[in-house]
């Protein structure tokens, strides 16, 4: 009986972690505007599409999350590209960190 209780507790903890990740993914839906430095706007849709605007450039494509990693897939002149960043959500702000770019902070609007 004690072993069964330990397994149920472990399963509950695992399921709660999965639920948190799914909730964070849904919290990404909507429009975000950069509040640090550059004029960046990103709109994430429920069907896993996005539109990314930076100054005069606009990119669009599909997005996905895995753990705390956000991947933006897009095409440039017929060539498929990916941008990856680690993301975090805190107090209504989305922070994106990537090795090749400066950290960006966005607020939902």
C-alpha atoms as a PDB file:
ATOM      1  CA  UNK A   1       0.000   0.000   0.000  1.00  0.00           C
ATOM      2  CA  UNK A   2       2.822   2.417   0.836  1.00  0.00           C
ATOM      3  CA  UNK A   3       4.508   1.695  -2.502  1.00  0.00           C
ATOM      4  CA  UNK A   4       1.249   2.367  -4.351  1.00  0.00           C
ATOM      5  CA  UNK A   5       0.841   5.692  -2.524  1.00  0.00           C
ATOM      6  CA  UNK A   6       4.396   6.735  -3.493  1.00  0.00           C
ATOM      7  CA  UNK A   7       3.694   5.898  -7.146  1.00  0.00           C
ATOM      8  CA  UNK A   8       0.442   7.864  -7.080  1.00  0.00           C
ATOM      9  CA  UNK A   9       2.240  10.846  -5.545  1.00  0.00           C
ATOM     10  CA  UNK A  10       4.988  10.669  -8.177  1.00  0.00           C
ATOM     11  CA  UNK A  11       2.415  10.399 -10.973  1.00  0.00           C
ATOM     12  CA  UNK A  12       0.517  13.400  -9.570  1.00  0.00           C
ATOM     13  CA  UNK A  13       3.701  15.498  -9.506  1.00  0.00           C
ATOM     14  CA  UNK A  14       4.557  14.541 -13.090  1.00  0.00           C
ATOM     15  CA  UNK A  15       1.052  15.370 -14.318  1.00  0.00           C
ATOM     16  CA  UNK A  16       1.102  18.737 -12.536  1.00  0.00           C
ATOM     17  CA  UNK A  17       4.388  19.627 -14.276  1.00  0.00           C
ATOM     18  CA  UNK A  18       2.897  18.704 -17.661  1.00  0.00           C
ATOM     19  CA  UNK A  19      -0.139  20.856 -16.882  1.00  0.00           C
ATOM     20  CA  UNK A  20       2.079  23.853 -16.043  1.00  0.00           C
ATOM     21  CA  UNK A  21       3.890  23.578 -19.388  1.00  0.00           C
ATOM     22  CA  UNK A  22       0.592  23.306 -21.284  1.00  0.00           C
ATOM     23  CA  UNK A  23      -0.736  26.339 -19.423  1.00  0.00           C
ATOM     24  CA  UNK A  24       2.374  28.361 -20.272  1.00  0.00           C
ATOM     25  CA  UNK A  25       1.942  27.465 -23.938  1.00  0.00           C
ATOM     26  CA  UNK A  26      -1.603  28.820 -23.902  1.00  0.00           C
ATOM     27  CA  UNK A  27      -0.358  31.951 -22.138  1.00  0.00           C
ATOM     28  CA  UNK A  28       1.766  32.692 -25.223  1.00  0.00           C
ATOM     29  CA  UNK A  29      -1.344  33.099 -27.402  1.00  0.00           C
ATOM     30  CA  UNK A  30      -2.014  36.702 -28.399  1.00  0.00           C
ATOM     31  CA  UNK A  31      -0.050  39.841 -29.224  1.00  0.00           C
ATOM     32  CA  UNK A  32       3.195  40.846 -27.521  1.00  0.00           C
ATOM     33  CA  UNK A  33       5.035  44.146 -27.812  1.00  0.00           C
ATOM     34  CA  UNK A  34       8.701  44.715 -26.991  1.00  0.00           C
ATOM     35  CA  UNK A  35       9.408  46.866 -23.939  1.00  0.00           C
ATOM     36  CA  UNK A  36      13.197  46.635 -24.015  1.00  0.00           C
ATOM     37  CA  UNK A  37      15.108  48.391 -26.728  1.00  0.00           C
ATOM     38  CA  UNK A  38      13.853  47.376 -30.164  1.00  0.00           C
ATOM     39  CA  UNK A  39      10.383  47.809 -31.665  1.00  0.00           C
ATOM     40  CA  UNK A  40       9.357  44.153 -31.803  1.00  0.00           C
ATOM     41  CA  UNK A  41       5.830  42.781 -32.097  1.00  0.00           C
ATOM     42  CA  UNK A  42       4.905  39.094 -32.090  1.00  0.00           C
ATOM     43  CA  UNK A  43       1.458  37.565 -32.431  1.00  0.00           C
ATOM     44  CA  UNK A  44       1.066  33.861 -31.516  1.00  0.00           C
ATOM     45  CA  UNK A  45      -2.109  32.047 -32.571  1.00  0.00           C
ATOM     46  CA  UNK A  46      -3.726  28.891 -31.186  1.00  0.00           C
ATOM     47  CA  UNK A  47      -3.111  27.079 -34.482  1.00  0.00           C
ATOM     48  CA  UNK A  48       0.645  27.460 -33.838  1.00  0.00           C
ATOM     49  CA  UNK A  49       1.189  30.240 -36.404  1.00  0.00           C
ATOM     50  CA  UNK A  50       2.922  33.538 -35.666  1.00  0.00           C
ATOM     51  CA  UNK A  51       3.668  36.945 -37.174  1.00  0.00           C
ATOM     52  CA  UNK A  52       6.891  38.659 -36.058  1.00  0.00           C
ATOM     53  CA  UNK A  53       7.506  42.333 -36.843  1.00  0.00           C
ATOM     54  CA  UNK A  54      10.833  44.051 -36.280  1.00  0.00           C
ATOM     55  CA  UNK A  55      11.219  47.596 -37.598  1.00  0.00           C
ATOM     56  CA  UNK A  56      10.271  47.302 -41.308  1.00  0.00           C
ATOM     57  CA  UNK A  57      10.632  43.486 -41.497  1.00  0.00           C
ATOM     58  CA  UNK A  58       7.810  40.985 -41.086  1.00  0.00           C
ATOM     59  CA  UNK A  59       8.254  37.224 -40.737  1.00  0.00           C
ATOM     60  CA  UNK A  60       5.573  34.603 -40.321  1.00  0.00           C
ATOM     61  CA  UNK A  61       5.438  30.859 -39.970  1.00  0.00           C
ATOM     62  CA  UNK A  62       4.850  28.116 -37.432  1.00  0.00           C
ATOM     63  CA  UNK A  63       5.964  28.108 -33.825  1.00  0.00           C
ATOM     64  CA  UNK A  64       6.461  25.366 -31.270  1.00  0.00           C
ATOM     65  CA  UNK A  65       7.555  24.935 -27.674  1.00  0.00           C
ATOM     66  CA  UNK A  66       9.465  22.164 -25.985  1.00  0.00           C
ATOM     67  CA  UNK A  67      10.089  22.668 -22.302  1.00  0.00           C
ATOM     68  CA  UNK A  68      11.327  26.263 -22.033  1.00  0.00           C
ATOM     69  CA  UNK A  69      12.493  26.421 -25.663  1.00  0.00           C
ATOM     70  CA  UNK A  70      10.539  28.386 -28.267  1.00  0.00           C
ATOM     71  CA  UNK A  71      11.194  27.688 -31.965  1.00  0.00           C
ATOM     72  CA  UNK A  72      10.081  30.000 -34.783  1.00  0.00           C
ATOM     73  CA  UNK A  73      10.088  28.376 -38.239  1.00  0.00           C
ATOM     74  CA  UNK A  74      10.048  30.641 -41.289  1.00  0.00           C
ATOM     75  CA  UNK A  75      11.156  30.824 -44.919  1.00  0.00           C
ATOM     76  CA  UNK A  76      13.556  33.295 -46.578  1.00  0.00           C
ATOM     77  CA  UNK A  77      13.832  33.193 -50.365  1.00  0.00           C
ATOM     78  CA  UNK A  78      12.524  29.617 -50.361  1.00  0.00           C
ATOM     79  CA  UNK A  79      15.001  28.447 -47.733  1.00  0.00           C
ATOM     80  CA  UNK A  80      13.609  27.067 -44.456  1.00  0.00           C
ATOM     81  CA  UNK A  81      15.035  28.720 -41.319  1.00  0.00           C
ATOM     82  CA  UNK A  82      14.613  28.319 -37.551  1.00  0.00           C
ATOM     83  CA  UNK A  83      15.162  30.700 -34.677  1.00  0.00           C
ATOM     84  CA  UNK A  84      15.361  29.217 -31.208  1.00  0.00           C
ATOM     85  CA  UNK A  85      15.178  30.977 -27.872  1.00  0.00           C
ATOM     86  CA  UNK A  86      14.640  30.079 -24.259  1.00  0.00           C
ATOM     87  CA  UNK A  87      11.498  31.720 -22.944  1.00  0.00           C
ATOM     88  CA  UNK A  88      10.068  32.549 -19.554  1.00  0.00           C
ATOM     89  CA  UNK A  89       6.759  34.051 -18.470  1.00  0.00           C
ATOM     90  CA  UNK A  90       6.615  36.164 -15.326  1.00  0.00           C
ATOM     91  CA  UNK A  91       4.162  38.821 -14.147  1.00  0.00           C
ATOM     92  CA  UNK A  92       2.694  39.358 -17.627  1.00  0.00           C
ATOM     93  CA  UNK A  93       6.093  39.651 -19.336  1.00  0.00           C
ATOM     94  CA  UNK A  94       7.628  37.284 -21.896  1.00  0.00           C
ATOM     95  CA  UNK A  95      11.431  37.111 -21.904  1.00  0.00           C
ATOM     96  CA  UNK A  96      13.255  35.587 -24.896  1.00  0.00           C
ATOM     97  CA  UNK A  97      16.931  34.665 -24.630  1.00  0.00           C
ATOM     98  CA  UNK A  98      18.993  33.445 -27.595  1.00  0.00           C
ATOM     99  CA  UNK A  99      22.727  32.974 -28.007  1.00  0.00           C
ATOM    100  CA  UNK A 100      22.962  34.938 -31.249  1.00  0.00           C
ATOM    101  CA  UNK A 101      20.700  37.862 -30.223  1.00  0.00           C
ATOM    102  CA  UNK A 102      20.196  40.180 -27.290  1.00  0.00           C
ATOM    103  CA  UNK A 103      17.591  39.268 -24.661  1.00  0.00           C
ATOM    104  CA  UNK A 104      14.153  40.665 -25.497  1.00  0.00           C
ATOM    105  CA  UNK A 105      11.366  41.464 -23.014  1.00  0.00           C
ATOM    106  CA  UNK A 106       7.802  41.738 -24.303  1.00  0.00           C
ATOM    107  CA  UNK A 107       4.480  42.614 -22.674  1.00  0.00           C
ATOM    108  CA  UNK A 108       1.124  41.245 -23.766  1.00  0.00           C
ATOM    109  CA  UNK A 109      -1.195  43.877 -25.218  1.00  0.00           C
END
